[in-house]
Each structure stands twice: as C-alpha cells, then as structure tokens.
Amino acid sequence: MSEPTEEELQAFVEDVEFLVKTLKEIFESDNADFLIDEQNEILYVKLEGLNDYSEEEIEEIAGPVLEELDLDFEEIMLLPL
C-alpha cells in the first residue's frame, strides 16, 4: 500500500480535529486534547469534565457521534483531562 498523500493526511487530521471539537461541545468541555497512537491504531481524546459522567452516559452520548464519523482506528478512548 502506498504512503498517504499530503492532502489525505490533512483530511485525516481535519476529521480527527472535527471529532474532538464535536465531543468537546457535546460534553460541554472547556478544554480537549488528543493523542494518536499510530502503532496500535488508537485515538485518545482527553476531555475536561468527563469525570462528571458515568461510563454508561459517556457511551450513550458519544456512541452515535463515533459511529457517524467512523474514523479508521481500532479503538477510540475517551479520557478525563
């Protein structure tokens, strides 16, 4: 498989940033950050205020967003910031 082009990489980063911004808005977080573990294909999204939600609430709120965007990660982890 060939290396991604600059345009493909930029589109990928924009998709991740859009996801983080969307999660930040729906969880009413003031701050958010993310880390991509390329080797394990995991996206870590850190959100301020995530501690205020139960695991079930987080899954219920974030599930539809994560399914809709369908980024190419093995796993997307939401963590408190």
N, C-alpha and C. Protein backbone atom coordinates (compact mmCIF):
# COMPACT_ATOMS: atom_id res chain seq x y z
N MET A 1 0.85 -1.18 0.00
CA MET A 1 0.00 0.00 0.00
C MET A 1 0.89 1.23 0.00
N SER A 2 0.53 2.22 -0.75
CA SER A 2 1.36 3.42 -0.89
C SER A 2 1.17 4.36 0.30
N GLU A 3 2.14 5.23 0.48
CA GLU A 3 2.07 6.25 1.54
C GLU A 3 0.95 7.24 1.23
N PRO A 4 0.26 7.71 2.26
CA PRO A 4 -0.80 8.71 2.01
C PRO A 4 -0.21 10.02 1.49
N THR A 5 -0.98 10.68 0.67
CA THR A 5 -0.56 11.97 0.14
C THR A 5 -0.72 13.04 1.22
N GLU A 6 -0.13 14.18 0.97
CA GLU A 6 -0.25 15.32 1.89
C GLU A 6 -1.71 15.71 2.07
N GLU A 7 -2.48 15.67 0.99
CA GLU A 7 -3.90 16.02 1.06
C GLU A 7 -4.67 15.01 1.91
N GLU A 8 -4.35 13.72 1.76
CA GLU A 8 -5.02 12.69 2.55
C GLU A 8 -4.69 12.84 4.03
N LEU A 9 -3.44 13.13 4.34
CA LEU A 9 -3.04 13.34 5.73
C LEU A 9 -3.76 14.54 6.32
N GLN A 10 -3.83 15.62 5.56
CA GLN A 10 -4.51 16.83 6.03
C GLN A 10 -5.99 16.56 6.28
N ALA A 11 -6.63 15.81 5.38
CA ALA A 11 -8.04 15.48 5.54
C ALA A 11 -8.24 14.61 6.78
N PHE A 12 -7.33 13.69 7.03
CA PHE A 12 -7.40 12.82 8.21
C PHE A 12 -7.30 13.66 9.49
N VAL A 13 -6.34 14.56 9.54
CA VAL A 13 -6.16 15.43 10.71
C VAL A 13 -7.40 16.29 10.92
N GLU A 14 -7.95 16.81 9.86
CA GLU A 14 -9.17 17.63 9.96
C GLU A 14 -10.33 16.80 10.51
N ASP A 15 -10.45 15.55 10.09
CA ASP A 15 -11.51 14.67 10.60
C ASP A 15 -11.34 14.43 12.10
N VAL A 16 -10.11 14.18 12.53
CA VAL A 16 -9.84 13.96 13.95
C VAL A 16 -10.15 15.22 14.74
N GLU A 17 -9.71 16.37 14.24
CA GLU A 17 -9.97 17.64 14.93
C GLU A 17 -11.47 17.92 15.00
N PHE A 18 -12.21 17.58 13.95
CA PHE A 18 -13.66 17.77 13.96
C PHE A 18 -14.30 16.88 15.02
N LEU A 19 -13.84 15.63 15.12
CA LEU A 19 -14.36 14.72 16.14
C LEU A 19 -14.10 15.27 17.54
N VAL A 20 -12.88 15.72 17.79
CA VAL A 20 -12.53 16.25 19.11
C VAL A 20 -13.38 17.48 19.43
N LYS A 21 -13.54 18.36 18.45
CA LYS A 21 -14.37 19.57 18.65
C LYS A 21 -15.82 19.19 18.95
N THR A 22 -16.34 18.21 18.23
CA THR A 22 -17.71 17.76 18.44
C THR A 22 -17.88 17.16 19.83
N LEU A 23 -16.95 16.30 20.24
CA LEU A 23 -17.02 15.70 21.57
C LEU A 23 -16.89 16.77 22.65
N LYS A 24 -16.03 17.74 22.41
CA LYS A 24 -15.86 18.84 23.36
C LYS A 24 -17.18 19.58 23.56
N GLU A 25 -17.89 19.81 22.46
CA GLU A 25 -19.17 20.52 22.53
C GLU A 25 -20.24 19.69 23.23
N ILE A 26 -20.37 18.42 22.90
CA ILE A 26 -21.47 17.64 23.47
C ILE A 26 -21.23 17.32 24.95
N PHE A 27 -19.97 17.27 25.37
CA PHE A 27 -19.69 17.06 26.79
C PHE A 27 -19.47 18.38 27.53
N GLU A 28 -19.69 19.50 26.83
CA GLU A 28 -19.57 20.84 27.40
C GLU A 28 -18.23 21.04 28.11
N SER A 29 -17.18 20.58 27.44
CA SER A 29 -15.82 20.70 27.99
C SER A 29 -15.21 22.03 27.60
N ASP A 30 -14.47 22.62 28.52
CA ASP A 30 -13.75 23.85 28.21
C ASP A 30 -12.45 23.55 27.45
N ASN A 31 -11.86 22.41 27.75
CA ASN A 31 -10.60 22.03 27.11
C ASN A 31 -10.66 20.60 26.62
N ALA A 32 -9.92 20.34 25.55
CA ALA A 32 -9.83 19.00 24.99
C ALA A 32 -8.47 18.85 24.32
N ASP A 33 -8.02 17.62 24.25
CA ASP A 33 -6.75 17.32 23.60
C ASP A 33 -6.85 15.90 23.04
N PHE A 34 -5.96 15.56 22.13
CA PHE A 34 -5.97 14.20 21.61
C PHE A 34 -4.55 13.73 21.33
N LEU A 35 -4.41 12.42 21.29
CA LEU A 35 -3.14 11.78 21.01
C LEU A 35 -3.44 10.58 20.11
N ILE A 36 -2.65 10.43 19.06
CA ILE A 36 -2.83 9.31 18.15
C ILE A 36 -1.68 8.33 18.37
N ASP A 37 -2.03 7.10 18.71
CA ASP A 37 -1.06 6.01 18.84
C ASP A 37 -1.11 5.26 17.51
N GLU A 38 -0.23 5.63 16.59
CA GLU A 38 -0.25 5.06 15.25
C GLU A 38 0.05 3.57 15.25
N GLN A 39 0.97 3.15 16.10
CA GLN A 39 1.38 1.75 16.13
C GLN A 39 0.21 0.84 16.49
N ASN A 40 -0.61 1.24 17.46
CA ASN A 40 -1.74 0.44 17.91
C ASN A 40 -3.07 0.89 17.32
N GLU A 41 -3.04 1.94 16.50
CA GLU A 41 -4.23 2.49 15.85
C GLU A 41 -5.31 2.87 16.86
N ILE A 42 -4.86 3.62 17.90
CA ILE A 42 -5.78 4.08 18.95
C ILE A 42 -5.76 5.60 18.99
N LEU A 43 -6.93 6.19 19.09
CA LEU A 43 -7.07 7.63 19.27
C LEU A 43 -7.49 7.86 20.71
N TYR A 44 -6.70 8.65 21.43
CA TYR A 44 -7.03 9.04 22.80
C TYR A 44 -7.55 10.46 22.75
N VAL A 45 -8.76 10.67 23.25
CA VAL A 45 -9.35 12.00 23.32
C VAL A 45 -9.52 12.34 24.79
N LYS A 46 -8.87 13.41 25.22
CA LYS A 46 -8.96 13.86 26.61
C LYS A 46 -9.91 15.05 26.67
N LEU A 47 -10.90 14.95 27.56
CA LEU A 47 -11.91 15.99 27.68
C LEU A 47 -12.03 16.45 29.13
N GLU A 48 -11.98 17.75 29.31
CA GLU A 48 -12.19 18.31 30.65
C GLU A 48 -13.64 18.09 31.05
N GLY A 49 -13.84 17.68 32.29
CA GLY A 49 -15.19 17.48 32.81
C GLY A 49 -15.78 16.10 32.53
N LEU A 50 -15.02 15.24 31.90
CA LEU A 50 -15.54 13.91 31.59
C LEU A 50 -15.81 13.10 32.87
N ASN A 51 -15.13 13.47 33.95
CA ASN A 51 -15.35 12.79 35.25
C ASN A 51 -16.77 12.96 35.74
N ASP A 52 -17.48 13.97 35.23
CA ASP A 52 -18.84 14.25 35.68
C ASP A 52 -19.86 13.27 35.10
N TYR A 53 -19.43 12.38 34.21
CA TYR A 53 -20.33 11.45 33.54
C TYR A 53 -19.98 10.02 33.93
N SER A 54 -21.00 9.18 34.02
CA SER A 54 -20.76 7.75 34.25
C SER A 54 -20.31 7.12 32.92
N GLU A 55 -19.76 5.93 33.01
CA GLU A 55 -19.32 5.24 31.80
C GLU A 55 -20.49 4.99 30.85
N GLU A 56 -21.65 4.68 31.41
CA GLU A 56 -22.84 4.45 30.59
C GLU A 56 -23.28 5.73 29.88
N GLU A 57 -23.24 6.85 30.61
CA GLU A 57 -23.61 8.13 30.00
C GLU A 57 -22.65 8.50 28.88
N ILE A 58 -21.37 8.26 29.10
CA ILE A 58 -20.37 8.57 28.08
C ILE A 58 -20.64 7.76 26.82
N GLU A 59 -20.89 6.46 26.98
CA GLU A 59 -21.18 5.60 25.83
C GLU A 59 -22.45 6.04 25.12
N GLU A 60 -23.46 6.39 25.88
CA GLU A 60 -24.73 6.81 25.31
C GLU A 60 -24.59 8.12 24.52
N ILE A 61 -23.84 9.05 25.07
CA ILE A 61 -23.67 10.36 24.43
C ILE A 61 -22.72 10.28 23.24
N ALA A 62 -21.58 9.62 23.42
CA ALA A 62 -20.53 9.62 22.39
C ALA A 62 -20.77 8.56 21.31
N GLY A 63 -21.47 7.50 21.63
CA GLY A 63 -21.66 6.39 20.68
C GLY A 63 -22.14 6.81 19.30
N PRO A 64 -23.23 7.55 19.21
CA PRO A 64 -23.72 7.95 17.89
C PRO A 64 -22.72 8.81 17.10
N VAL A 65 -21.99 9.67 17.80
CA VAL A 65 -21.00 10.53 17.12
C VAL A 65 -19.87 9.67 16.57
N LEU A 66 -19.38 8.75 17.39
CA LEU A 66 -18.27 7.89 16.96
C LEU A 66 -18.68 6.99 15.80
N GLU A 67 -19.90 6.48 15.83
CA GLU A 67 -20.39 5.64 14.74
C GLU A 67 -20.57 6.44 13.45
N GLU A 68 -21.06 7.65 13.58
CA GLU A 68 -21.32 8.50 12.41
C GLU A 68 -20.03 8.87 11.68
N LEU A 69 -19.00 9.23 12.44
CA LEU A 69 -17.76 9.68 11.81
C LEU A 69 -16.91 8.51 11.33
N ASP A 70 -16.96 7.38 12.01
CA ASP A 70 -16.30 6.15 11.58
C ASP A 70 -14.86 6.38 11.10
N LEU A 71 -14.03 6.90 11.99
CA LEU A 71 -12.62 7.08 11.66
C LEU A 71 -11.91 5.74 11.70
N ASP A 72 -10.80 5.65 11.01
CA ASP A 72 -10.09 4.39 10.83
C ASP A 72 -9.14 4.11 12.00
N PHE A 73 -9.73 3.84 13.19
CA PHE A 73 -8.95 3.48 14.38
C PHE A 73 -9.48 2.16 14.90
N GLU A 74 -8.60 1.37 15.48
CA GLU A 74 -9.04 0.14 16.15
C GLU A 74 -9.90 0.49 17.35
N GLU A 75 -9.51 1.57 18.03
CA GLU A 75 -10.23 1.96 19.24
C GLU A 75 -10.10 3.48 19.43
N ILE A 76 -11.15 4.07 19.98
CA ILE A 76 -11.14 5.47 20.37
C ILE A 76 -11.43 5.52 21.87
N MET A 77 -10.47 6.03 22.62
CA MET A 77 -10.58 6.08 24.08
C MET A 77 -10.89 7.50 24.51
N LEU A 78 -11.91 7.67 25.32
CA LEU A 78 -12.23 8.97 25.90
C LEU A 78 -11.72 8.98 27.33
N LEU A 79 -10.91 9.99 27.65
CA LEU A 79 -10.27 10.08 28.96
C LEU A 79 -10.50 11.46 29.56
N PRO A 80 -10.56 11.54 30.88
CA PRO A 80 -10.67 12.87 31.52
C PRO A 80 -9.38 13.65 31.36
N LEU A 81 -9.50 14.95 31.22
CA LEU A 81 -8.32 15.83 31.10
C LEU A 81 -8.03 16.45 32.43
